[in-house]
Amino acid sequence: MKRIKNFFRILFKWILRIIIGFFVLSILSVVLFRFVPVPFTPLMIIRVVEQTFSSERDVKLSKDWVSLDEISPNLVMAVISSEDQNFMTHSGFDWEAIIKAYEANKKGKKVKGASSISQQTAKNVFLYPSRSYIRKGLEMYFTFLIETIWSKERIMEVYLNVIEMGDGIYGVEAASQFYFNKTASKLSKPQAALIAATLPNPLKWKPTRVTKFMGKRQAWILKQMNNIEQPEFLKKDKKE
């Protein structure tokens, strides 16, 4: 009996240490990436491993970190318009969109996901692709952390630098160079809208292959870009 008690006491201590270690490391990593560029993400590693063991694909990893002031405001407006129009006003979770998506799913309707840009950033930087409840819980935790520790400007900067934008292409600078042969700072409104239009499935849709669907989505995004207010950090850049 004594041995069993000792075993559970030791087990409890190790579990407690792991939990405390996780919280300490997660908070430290979020603080670190508030100031330091994210070198790679779990998805990048997974894609490289998949390519390495695939006989039909070469290993490809193209990314180039740039600061937000080196990214066209057109692209910032395009991704907010297409992915998260309440980005500047919510605290990480767009509850109205989440409730709408939940109600639509109950009725069997196919709707666009309700993940905010903050949630997508947390998922891309800190987590692995999965649909489990554990992963979703961790996503909520990291979303809370980055919304607490980072500014909206930093969340947008990280998001635009790590998001997958094609086969082996990550971030807007690499995407701009690959698809339009120009830097992200030079993207026009139509080009920015086309890049944003691919984000639901960047491995399937390409900005340079404008199908009927892509054309409609581009037109919708351009319309939204004219209707929504610019984030404060873009207005600040204009004043400066």
Protein backbone atom coordinates (compact mmCIF):
# COMPACT_ATOMS: atom_id res chain seq x y z
CA MET A 1 0.00 0.00 0.00
CA LYS A 2 2.85 2.32 0.89
CA ARG A 3 4.52 1.64 -2.48
CA ILE A 4 1.31 2.52 -4.32
CA LYS A 5 1.01 5.80 -2.39
CA ASN A 6 4.63 6.64 -3.16
CA PHE A 7 4.08 5.84 -6.84
CA PHE A 8 1.08 8.17 -7.11
CA ARG A 9 2.89 10.87 -5.13
CA ILE A 10 5.83 10.75 -7.54
CA LEU A 11 3.47 10.59 -10.53
CA PHE A 12 1.57 13.64 -9.27
CA LYS A 13 4.81 15.58 -8.81
CA TRP A 14 5.94 14.80 -12.37
CA ILE A 15 2.55 15.74 -13.83
CA LEU A 16 2.63 18.99 -11.85
CA ARG A 17 6.15 19.74 -13.10
CA ILE A 18 5.11 19.09 -16.71
CA ILE A 19 2.07 21.37 -16.38
CA ILE A 20 4.10 24.17 -14.78
CA GLY A 21 6.85 23.70 -17.38
CA PHE A 22 4.32 23.93 -20.20
CA PHE A 23 2.86 27.18 -18.90
CA VAL A 24 6.30 28.71 -18.33
CA LEU A 25 7.63 27.70 -21.76
CA SER A 26 4.47 28.74 -23.59
CA ILE A 27 4.42 32.19 -21.98
CA LEU A 28 8.14 32.69 -22.58
CA SER A 29 7.82 31.68 -26.23
CA VAL A 30 4.93 34.12 -26.78
CA VAL A 31 6.95 36.90 -25.13
CA LEU A 32 9.98 36.01 -27.28
CA PHE A 33 8.03 36.06 -30.55
CA ARG A 34 6.63 39.46 -29.68
CA PHE A 35 10.07 40.79 -30.62
CA VAL A 36 11.81 38.06 -32.64
CA PRO A 37 10.77 36.73 -36.09
CA VAL A 38 9.28 33.23 -36.02
CA PRO A 39 11.98 31.04 -37.67
CA PHE A 40 9.69 28.13 -38.58
CA THR A 41 6.31 26.62 -37.69
CA PRO A 42 5.12 23.05 -37.03
CA LEU A 43 3.31 23.06 -40.38
CA MET A 44 6.53 23.96 -42.22
CA ILE A 45 8.30 21.02 -40.58
CA ILE A 46 5.42 18.65 -41.41
CA ARG A 47 5.37 19.76 -45.07
CA VAL A 48 9.16 19.31 -45.40
CA VAL A 49 8.92 15.79 -43.92
CA GLU A 50 6.06 14.95 -46.32
CA GLN A 51 8.09 16.23 -49.27
CA THR A 52 11.20 14.37 -48.13
CA PHE A 53 9.42 11.03 -48.15
CA SER A 54 7.46 11.69 -51.33
CA SER A 55 8.95 10.42 -54.58
CA GLU A 56 6.77 12.81 -56.60
CA ARG A 57 7.75 16.08 -54.91
CA ASP A 58 10.99 17.97 -54.32
CA VAL A 59 11.67 19.54 -50.95
CA LYS A 60 10.62 23.17 -51.14
CA LEU A 61 10.59 25.80 -48.43
CA SER A 62 10.40 29.44 -49.49
CA LYS A 63 9.94 32.13 -46.84
CA ASP A 64 11.30 35.61 -46.23
CA TRP A 65 10.37 37.52 -43.09
CA VAL A 66 9.54 41.19 -43.60
CA SER A 67 8.28 43.82 -41.18
CA LEU A 68 4.71 45.07 -41.49
CA ASP A 69 5.85 48.39 -42.94
CA GLU A 70 7.36 46.41 -45.83
CA ILE A 71 3.97 44.89 -46.66
CA SER A 72 1.45 46.73 -48.80
CA PRO A 73 -1.54 48.07 -46.83
CA ASN A 74 -3.59 46.61 -49.68
CA LEU A 75 -2.70 43.12 -48.48
CA VAL A 76 -3.50 43.90 -44.85
CA MET A 77 -6.92 45.19 -45.91
CA ALA A 78 -7.46 42.21 -48.23
CA VAL A 79 -6.84 39.56 -45.55
CA ILE A 80 -8.94 41.41 -42.97
CA SER A 81 -11.74 41.72 -45.53
CA SER A 82 -11.62 38.05 -46.48
CA GLU A 83 -10.64 36.35 -43.21
CA ASP A 84 -11.69 38.43 -40.22
CA GLN A 85 -13.53 41.73 -40.61
CA ASN A 86 -13.84 42.17 -36.83
CA PHE A 87 -10.10 41.67 -36.28
CA MET A 88 -9.55 45.07 -34.69
CA THR A 89 -12.53 44.91 -32.34
CA HIS A 90 -12.60 41.36 -30.98
CA SER A 91 -10.29 39.98 -28.29
CA GLY A 92 -9.21 36.94 -30.28
CA PHE A 93 -12.55 35.24 -30.85
CA ASP A 94 -15.32 36.47 -33.13
CA TRP A 95 -18.17 35.01 -31.10
CA GLU A 96 -20.85 36.23 -33.49
CA ALA A 97 -19.19 34.41 -36.39
CA ILE A 98 -18.64 31.32 -34.23
CA ILE A 99 -22.33 31.17 -33.26
CA LYS A 100 -23.42 31.64 -36.89
CA ALA A 101 -21.09 28.86 -38.03
CA TYR A 102 -22.35 26.57 -35.26
CA GLU A 103 -26.01 27.17 -36.18
CA ALA A 104 -25.28 26.61 -39.88
CA ASN A 105 -23.38 23.38 -39.14
CA LYS A 106 -26.33 22.09 -37.12
CA LYS A 107 -28.51 22.58 -40.20
CA GLY A 108 -25.97 20.75 -42.35
CA LYS A 109 -24.92 23.81 -44.31
CA LYS A 110 -21.36 24.22 -45.49
CA VAL A 111 -19.99 27.54 -44.28
CA LYS A 112 -16.61 29.21 -44.08
CA GLY A 113 -14.78 28.58 -40.81
CA ALA A 114 -15.16 31.11 -38.00
CA SER A 115 -11.50 31.14 -36.91
CA SER A 116 -10.22 34.67 -36.41
CA ILE A 117 -6.84 35.85 -37.68
CA SER A 118 -5.62 35.66 -34.07
CA GLN A 119 -6.70 32.01 -33.83
CA GLN A 120 -5.09 31.18 -37.16
CA THR A 121 -1.86 32.84 -36.02
CA ALA A 122 -1.83 30.93 -32.74
CA LYS A 123 -2.48 27.67 -34.59
CA ASN A 124 0.18 28.27 -37.23
CA VAL A 125 2.95 29.39 -34.88
CA PHE A 126 2.52 27.12 -31.89
CA LEU A 127 0.44 24.08 -32.86
CA TYR A 128 0.09 21.16 -35.24
CA PRO A 129 -2.71 20.61 -37.81
CA SER A 130 -5.49 18.61 -36.16
CA ARG A 131 -9.21 18.74 -35.45
CA SER A 132 -9.09 17.24 -31.95
CA TYR A 133 -10.64 18.91 -28.93
CA ILE A 134 -7.22 19.01 -27.25
CA ARG A 135 -5.75 20.98 -30.17
CA LYS A 136 -8.73 23.33 -30.16
CA GLY A 137 -8.30 23.92 -26.44
CA LEU A 138 -4.61 24.70 -26.92
CA GLU A 139 -5.53 27.03 -29.78
CA MET A 140 -7.83 28.99 -27.47
CA TYR A 141 -5.08 29.15 -24.82
CA PHE A 142 -2.43 30.46 -27.24
CA THR A 143 -4.93 32.87 -28.81
CA PHE A 144 -5.57 34.33 -25.37
CA LEU A 145 -1.81 34.64 -24.79
CA ILE A 146 -1.00 36.45 -28.03
CA GLU A 147 -3.99 38.77 -27.66
CA THR A 148 -2.76 39.61 -24.16
CA ILE A 149 0.97 39.94 -24.87
CA TRP A 150 1.11 41.04 -28.53
CA SER A 151 -0.45 44.06 -30.19
CA LYS A 152 -2.90 43.70 -33.08
CA GLU A 153 -0.15 45.06 -35.31
CA ARG A 154 2.23 42.28 -34.21
CA ILE A 155 -0.43 39.59 -34.66
CA MET A 156 -1.00 40.77 -38.22
CA GLU A 157 2.75 40.94 -38.92
CA VAL A 158 3.32 37.38 -37.72
CA TYR A 159 0.24 36.09 -39.51
CA LEU A 160 1.32 37.53 -42.85
CA ASN A 161 4.83 36.10 -42.46
CA VAL A 162 4.02 32.50 -41.51
CA ILE A 163 0.78 31.63 -43.27
CA GLU A 164 0.94 28.94 -45.97
CA MET A 165 0.41 30.50 -49.42
CA GLY A 166 1.24 27.67 -51.77
CA ASP A 167 3.28 24.48 -52.10
CA GLY A 168 6.32 25.24 -49.96
CA ILE A 169 5.54 28.96 -49.94
CA TYR A 170 5.09 30.73 -46.60
CA GLY A 171 4.45 34.38 -45.95
CA VAL A 172 3.42 37.24 -48.19
CA GLU A 173 6.90 38.24 -49.31
CA ALA A 174 7.67 34.78 -50.71
CA ALA A 175 4.18 34.61 -52.28
CA SER A 176 4.52 38.05 -53.88
CA GLN A 177 7.93 37.20 -55.33
CA PHE A 178 6.76 33.80 -56.60
CA TYR A 179 3.41 34.75 -58.11
CA PHE A 180 3.93 38.38 -59.19
CA ASN A 181 7.72 38.83 -59.26
CA LYS A 182 7.56 41.84 -56.96
CA THR A 183 7.97 42.61 -53.28
CA ALA A 184 4.99 42.52 -50.93
CA SER A 185 5.26 46.29 -50.53
CA LYS A 186 4.39 46.79 -54.22
CA LEU A 187 1.22 44.68 -54.42
CA SER A 188 -1.76 46.39 -56.03
CA LYS A 189 -5.31 46.04 -54.71
CA PRO A 190 -6.33 43.42 -57.31
CA GLN A 191 -3.17 41.37 -56.65
CA ALA A 192 -3.63 41.58 -52.88
CA ALA A 193 -7.25 40.47 -53.24
CA LEU A 194 -6.18 37.49 -55.36
CA ILE A 195 -3.63 36.38 -52.75
CA ALA A 196 -6.22 36.73 -49.99
CA ALA A 197 -8.73 34.78 -52.10
CA THR A 198 -6.49 31.69 -52.00
CA LEU A 199 -6.15 31.51 -48.21
CA PRO A 200 -8.97 29.03 -47.50
CA ASN A 201 -7.05 26.48 -49.62
CA PRO A 202 -3.66 27.78 -50.87
CA LEU A 203 -2.60 24.34 -52.10
CA LYS A 204 -5.58 24.23 -54.46
CA TRP A 205 -6.09 27.85 -55.57
CA LYS A 206 -3.41 30.07 -57.13
CA PRO A 207 -3.42 33.89 -57.51
CA THR A 208 -2.12 33.51 -61.05
CA ARG A 209 -4.82 31.03 -62.07
CA VAL A 210 -7.97 33.12 -61.98
CA THR A 211 -10.88 30.71 -62.31
CA LYS A 212 -14.50 31.83 -62.29
CA PHE A 213 -14.62 31.12 -58.55
CA MET A 214 -11.40 33.07 -57.91
CA GLY A 215 -12.64 35.99 -59.98
CA LYS A 216 -15.87 36.21 -57.97
CA ARG A 217 -14.00 35.92 -54.69
CA GLN A 218 -11.53 38.62 -55.76
CA ALA A 219 -14.38 40.97 -56.69
CA TRP A 220 -16.10 40.36 -53.34
CA ILE A 221 -12.87 41.04 -51.41
CA LEU A 222 -12.22 44.26 -53.37
CA LYS A 223 -15.72 45.45 -52.52
CA GLN A 224 -15.22 44.66 -48.83
CA MET A 225 -11.87 46.48 -48.83
CA ASN A 226 -13.69 49.67 -49.77
CA ASN A 227 -16.35 49.20 -47.10
CA ILE A 228 -14.36 48.42 -43.94
CA GLU A 229 -12.35 50.89 -41.88
CA GLN A 230 -8.57 50.76 -41.90
CA PRO A 231 -6.83 49.50 -38.75
CA GLU A 232 -5.30 52.19 -36.54
CA PHE A 233 -1.76 50.96 -37.20
CA LEU A 234 -2.19 51.61 -40.94
CA LYS A 235 -3.47 55.12 -40.22
CA LYS A 236 -0.48 55.66 -37.95
CA ASP A 237 1.90 54.68 -40.77
CA LYS A 238 0.22 57.23 -43.05
CA LYS A 239 0.70 60.02 -40.52
CA GLU A 240 4.35 59.10 -40.07
